[in-house]
C-alpha atoms as a PDB file:
ATOM      1  CA  MET A   1     -26.976  -0.658  19.025  1.00  0.00           C
ATOM      2  CA  ALA A   2     -26.163   2.519  17.125  1.00  0.00           C
ATOM      3  CA  GLY A   3     -28.363   3.628  14.262  1.00  0.00           C
ATOM      4  CA  PRO A   4     -27.249   5.259  11.037  1.00  0.00           C
ATOM      5  CA  LEU A   5     -25.274   8.475  11.320  1.00  0.00           C
ATOM      6  CA  ASP A   6     -27.159  11.693  10.819  1.00  0.00           C
ATOM      7  CA  PRO A   7     -25.985  13.627   7.726  1.00  0.00           C
ATOM      8  CA  ILE A   8     -23.974  16.202   9.702  1.00  0.00           C
ATOM      9  CA  THR A   9     -22.136  13.511  11.694  1.00  0.00           C
ATOM     10  CA  ALA A  10     -21.476  11.513   8.526  1.00  0.00           C
ATOM     11  CA  VAL A  11     -19.936  14.549   6.769  1.00  0.00           C
ATOM     12  CA  SER A  12     -17.881  15.318   9.881  1.00  0.00           C
ATOM     13  CA  ALA A  13     -16.490  11.777   9.830  1.00  0.00           C
ATOM     14  CA  TYR A  14     -14.881  12.054   6.398  1.00  0.00           C
ATOM     15  CA  LYS A  15     -13.791  15.637   6.994  1.00  0.00           C
ATOM     16  CA  GLN A  16     -11.953  14.461  10.117  1.00  0.00           C
ATOM     17  CA  ILE A  17     -10.114  11.859   8.023  1.00  0.00           C
ATOM     18  CA  LEU A  18      -9.106  14.611   5.570  1.00  0.00           C
ATOM     19  CA  ARG A  19      -7.995  16.907   8.386  1.00  0.00           C
ATOM     20  CA  ASP A  20      -5.911  14.144   9.972  1.00  0.00           C
ATOM     21  CA  ALA A  21      -4.280  13.372   6.614  1.00  0.00           C
ATOM     22  CA  LEU A  22      -3.490  17.045   5.984  1.00  0.00           C
ATOM     23  CA  GLU A  23      -1.906  17.420   9.414  1.00  0.00           C
ATOM     24  CA  LEU A  24       0.465  14.515   8.669  1.00  0.00           C
ATOM     25  CA  ARG A  25       1.656  16.075   5.401  1.00  0.00           C
ATOM     26  CA  PRO A  26       4.475  18.608   4.960  1.00  0.00           C
ATOM     27  CA  ALA A  27       3.849  22.319   5.316  1.00  0.00           C
ATOM     28  CA  GLY A  28       2.317  23.847   2.218  1.00  0.00           C
ATOM     29  CA  ILE A  29      -0.024  20.947   1.392  1.00  0.00           C
ATOM     30  CA  ARG A  30      -3.145  23.087   1.945  1.00  0.00           C
ATOM     31  CA  ARG A  31      -1.756  25.708  -0.434  1.00  0.00           C
ATOM     32  CA  ARG A  32      -0.970  23.062  -3.052  1.00  0.00           C
ATOM     33  CA  LEU A  33      -4.443  21.565  -2.734  1.00  0.00           C
ATOM     34  CA  ALA A  34      -6.002  25.025  -3.030  1.00  0.00           C
ATOM     35  CA  GLU A  35      -3.995  25.716  -6.189  1.00  0.00           C
ATOM     36  CA  VAL A  36      -4.952  22.420  -7.781  1.00  0.00           C
ATOM     37  CA  LEU A  37      -8.651  22.949  -7.010  1.00  0.00           C
ATOM     38  CA  CYS A  38      -8.398  26.600  -8.158  1.00  0.00           C
ATOM     39  CA  LYS A  39      -9.581  27.770  -4.738  1.00  0.00           C
ATOM     40  CA  ASN A  40      -8.056  29.751  -1.890  1.00  0.00           C
ATOM     41  CA  ARG A  41      -6.509  28.356   1.304  1.00  0.00           C
ATOM     42  CA  SER A  42      -9.486  29.398   3.428  1.00  0.00           C
ATOM     43  CA  PHE A  43     -11.681  27.170   1.241  1.00  0.00           C
ATOM     44  CA  ILE A  44      -9.417  24.199   2.058  1.00  0.00           C
ATOM     45  CA  THR A  45      -9.552  25.066   5.760  1.00  0.00           C
ATOM     46  CA  HIS A  46     -13.367  25.139   5.551  1.00  0.00           C
ATOM     47  CA  LEU A  47     -13.452  21.953   3.471  1.00  0.00           C
ATOM     48  CA  SER A  48     -11.357  20.051   6.023  1.00  0.00           C
ATOM     49  CA  ASN A  49     -13.106  21.339   9.147  1.00  0.00           C
ATOM     50  CA  PRO A  50     -15.401  18.693  10.687  1.00  0.00           C
ATOM     51  CA  ALA A  51     -17.375  21.452  12.426  1.00  0.00           C
ATOM     52  CA  TYR A  52     -18.725  22.646   9.060  1.00  0.00           C
ATOM     53  CA  SER A  53     -21.392  20.440   7.513  1.00  0.00           C
ATOM     54  CA  THR A  54     -20.775  21.627   3.943  1.00  0.00           C
ATOM     55  CA  PRO A  55     -20.025  18.470   1.922  1.00  0.00           C
ATOM     56  CA  ILE A  56     -16.909  18.020  -0.174  1.00  0.00           C
ATOM     57  CA  PRO A  57     -17.950  17.906  -3.840  1.00  0.00           C
ATOM     58  CA  ALA A  58     -17.367  14.485  -5.378  1.00  0.00           C
ATOM     59  CA  ARG A  59     -15.383  15.999  -8.238  1.00  0.00           C
ATOM     60  CA  TYR A  60     -12.641  17.060  -5.767  1.00  0.00           C
ATOM     61  CA  VAL A  61     -12.084  13.638  -4.225  1.00  0.00           C
ATOM     62  CA  GLU A  62      -9.624  12.132  -6.753  1.00  0.00           C
ATOM     63  CA  SER A  63      -7.591  15.352  -6.958  1.00  0.00           C
ATOM     64  CA  MET A  64      -7.496  15.483  -3.175  1.00  0.00           C
ATOM     65  CA  PHE A  65      -6.185  11.905  -2.995  1.00  0.00           C
ATOM     66  CA  ALA A  66      -3.492  12.613  -5.580  1.00  0.00           C
ATOM     67  CA  VAL A  67      -2.235  15.897  -4.120  1.00  0.00           C
ATOM     68  CA  CYS A  68      -2.294  14.704  -0.507  1.00  0.00           C
ATOM     69  CA  HIS A  69      -0.844  11.259  -1.332  1.00  0.00           C
ATOM     70  CA  PHE A  70      -3.462   9.377   0.683  1.00  0.00           C
ATOM     71  CA  SER A  71      -2.315   5.930   1.747  1.00  0.00           C
ATOM     72  CA  ALA A  72      -4.498   2.981   0.787  1.00  0.00           C
ATOM     73  CA  ALA A  73      -5.868   2.849   4.348  1.00  0.00           C
ATOM     74  CA  GLU A  74      -6.629   6.598   4.435  1.00  0.00           C
ATOM     75  CA  ARG A  75      -8.274   6.373   1.036  1.00  0.00           C
ATOM     76  CA  ALA A  76     -10.434   3.390   2.027  1.00  0.00           C
ATOM     77  CA  ALA A  77     -11.503   5.025   5.303  1.00  0.00           C
ATOM     78  CA  PHE A  78     -12.344   8.312   3.576  1.00  0.00           C
ATOM     79  CA  LEU A  79     -14.319   6.620   0.785  1.00  0.00           C
ATOM     80  CA  ALA A  80     -16.279   4.472   3.240  1.00  0.00           C
ATOM     81  CA  ALA A  81     -17.194   7.547   5.304  1.00  0.00           C
ATOM     82  CA  TYR A  82     -18.011   9.555   2.160  1.00  0.00           C
ATOM     83  CA  GLU A  83     -20.285   6.784   0.897  1.00  0.00           C
ATOM     84  CA  ARG A  84     -22.107   6.685   4.262  1.00  0.00           C
ATOM     85  CA  ALA A  85     -22.656  10.441   4.049  1.00  0.00           C
ATOM     86  CA  HIS A  86     -23.534  10.575   0.340  1.00  0.00           C
ATOM     87  CA  PRO A  87     -24.664   7.158  -0.936  1.00  0.00           C
ATOM     88  CA  GLY A  88     -23.929   6.731  -4.629  1.00  0.00           C
ATOM     89  CA  ARG A  89     -22.545  10.235  -5.173  1.00  0.00           C
ATOM     90  CA  LEU A  90     -19.153   9.022  -6.321  1.00  0.00           C
ATOM     91  CA  ALA A  91     -20.883   6.705  -8.827  1.00  0.00           C
ATOM     92  CA  ARG A  92     -17.816   4.572  -9.486  1.00  0.00           C
ATOM     93  CA  PRO A  93     -16.116   1.685  -7.700  1.00  0.00           C
ATOM     94  CA  VAL A  94     -14.161   2.961  -4.735  1.00  0.00           C
ATOM     95  CA  THR A  95     -11.201   0.688  -5.450  1.00  0.00           C
ATOM     96  CA  GLN A  96     -10.686   2.040  -8.969  1.00  0.00           C
ATOM     97  CA  SER A  97      -8.571   5.109  -9.601  1.00  0.00           C
ATOM     98  CA  LEU A  98      -9.146   7.195 -12.691  1.00  0.00           C
ATOM     99  CA  TRP A  99      -5.507   8.259 -12.694  1.00  0.00           C
ATOM    100  CA  ARG A 100      -2.752   6.703 -14.696  1.00  0.00           C
ATOM    101  CA  THR A 101       0.999   7.089 -14.410  1.00  0.00           C
ATOM    102  CA  ILE A 102       3.289   8.266 -17.167  1.00  0.00           C
ATOM    103  CA  GLU A 103       7.038   8.605 -17.199  1.00  0.00           C
ATOM    104  CA  LEU A 104       8.525  11.984 -18.048  1.00  0.00           C
ATOM    105  CA  ARG A 105      12.219  12.660 -18.555  1.00  0.00           C
ATOM    106  CA  VAL A 106      13.351  15.961 -17.085  1.00  0.00           C
ATOM    107  CA  PRO A 107      16.803  17.382 -16.417  1.00  0.00           C
ATOM    108  CA  ASP A 108      18.485  16.772 -13.071  1.00  0.00           C
ATOM    109  CA  LEU A 109      18.749  20.185 -11.450  1.00  0.00           C
ATOM    110  CA  GLY A 110      21.643  19.073  -9.269  1.00  0.00           C
ATOM    111  CA  GLU A 111      19.919  19.643  -5.918  1.00  0.00           C
ATOM    112  CA  ASN A 112      17.413  17.377  -4.194  1.00  0.00           C
ATOM    113  CA  ASP A 113      15.234  20.300  -3.069  1.00  0.00           C
ATOM    114  CA  ARG A 114      15.047  21.791  -6.574  1.00  0.00           C
ATOM    115  CA  ASN A 115      14.349  18.376  -8.127  1.00  0.00           C
ATOM    116  CA  ALA A 116      11.552  17.747  -5.602  1.00  0.00           C
ATOM    117  CA  GLU A 117      10.041  21.170  -6.308  1.00  0.00           C
ATOM    118  CA  LEU A 118      10.081  20.472 -10.065  1.00  0.00           C
ATOM    119  CA  ASP A 119       8.436  17.081  -9.466  1.00  0.00           C
ATOM    120  CA  ARG A 120       5.653  18.708  -7.371  1.00  0.00           C
ATOM    121  CA  LEU A 121       5.166  21.443  -9.951  1.00  0.00           C
ATOM    122  CA  LEU A 122       4.738  18.931 -12.790  1.00  0.00           C
ATOM    123  CA  GLN A 123       2.403  16.723 -10.748  1.00  0.00           C
ATOM    124  CA  ASP A 124       0.286  19.678  -9.626  1.00  0.00           C
ATOM    125  CA  THR A 125       0.057  20.971 -13.190  1.00  0.00           C
ATOM    126  CA  ALA A 126      -1.157  17.582 -14.435  1.00  0.00           C
ATOM    127  CA  ILE A 127      -3.724  17.357 -11.634  1.00  0.00           C
ATOM    128  CA  ARG A 128      -5.012  20.875 -12.305  1.00  0.00           C
ATOM    129  CA  MET A 129      -5.351  20.108 -16.010  1.00  0.00           C
ATOM    130  CA  ALA A 130      -7.255  16.893 -15.262  1.00  0.00           C
ATOM    131  CA  HIS A 131      -9.462  18.721 -12.775  1.00  0.00           C
ATOM    132  CA  LEU A 132     -10.320  21.376 -15.356  1.00  0.00           C
ATOM    133  CA  MET A 133     -11.208  18.701 -17.926  1.00  0.00           C
ATOM    134  CA  GLN A 134     -13.673  16.940 -15.628  1.00  0.00           C
ATOM    135  CA  VAL A 135     -17.354  17.445 -16.269  1.00  0.00           C
ATOM    136  CA  SER A 136     -18.884  19.577 -13.536  1.00  0.00           C
ATOM    137  CA  GLU A 137     -21.231  17.774 -11.175  1.00  0.00           C
ATOM    138  CA  PRO A 138     -23.982  19.426  -9.179  1.00  0.00           C
ATOM    139  CA  GLU A 139     -22.769  20.287  -5.688  1.00  0.00           C
END
């Protein structure tokens, strides 16, 4: 019977889930995540590397889910692993999202690629603003 995970293994478990999710996303997702978190790409590479035991700060989790479009299963697996590694750090129910959806009317730019880029730009801007408004937590 296996005992509880040691802290390094527990951190590696949720970082592996993040890495797997990032690898399934389109090119540029690490850059977008870095921009939203106001960090550089190497920080995202470090953050998503299971070999590094540095924990992901709780304040980044919701932004990470939003930018990377985690599925419900990916989100649940990540949150369960995060809770095992850092009991109580998220301090809110794991099923509740603090995000809400609004509708915004924008012009049709006439090309699917340009429309998609505008959509990503607006979403990323909203996420960055929300991230900046969050109260800093100790890391």
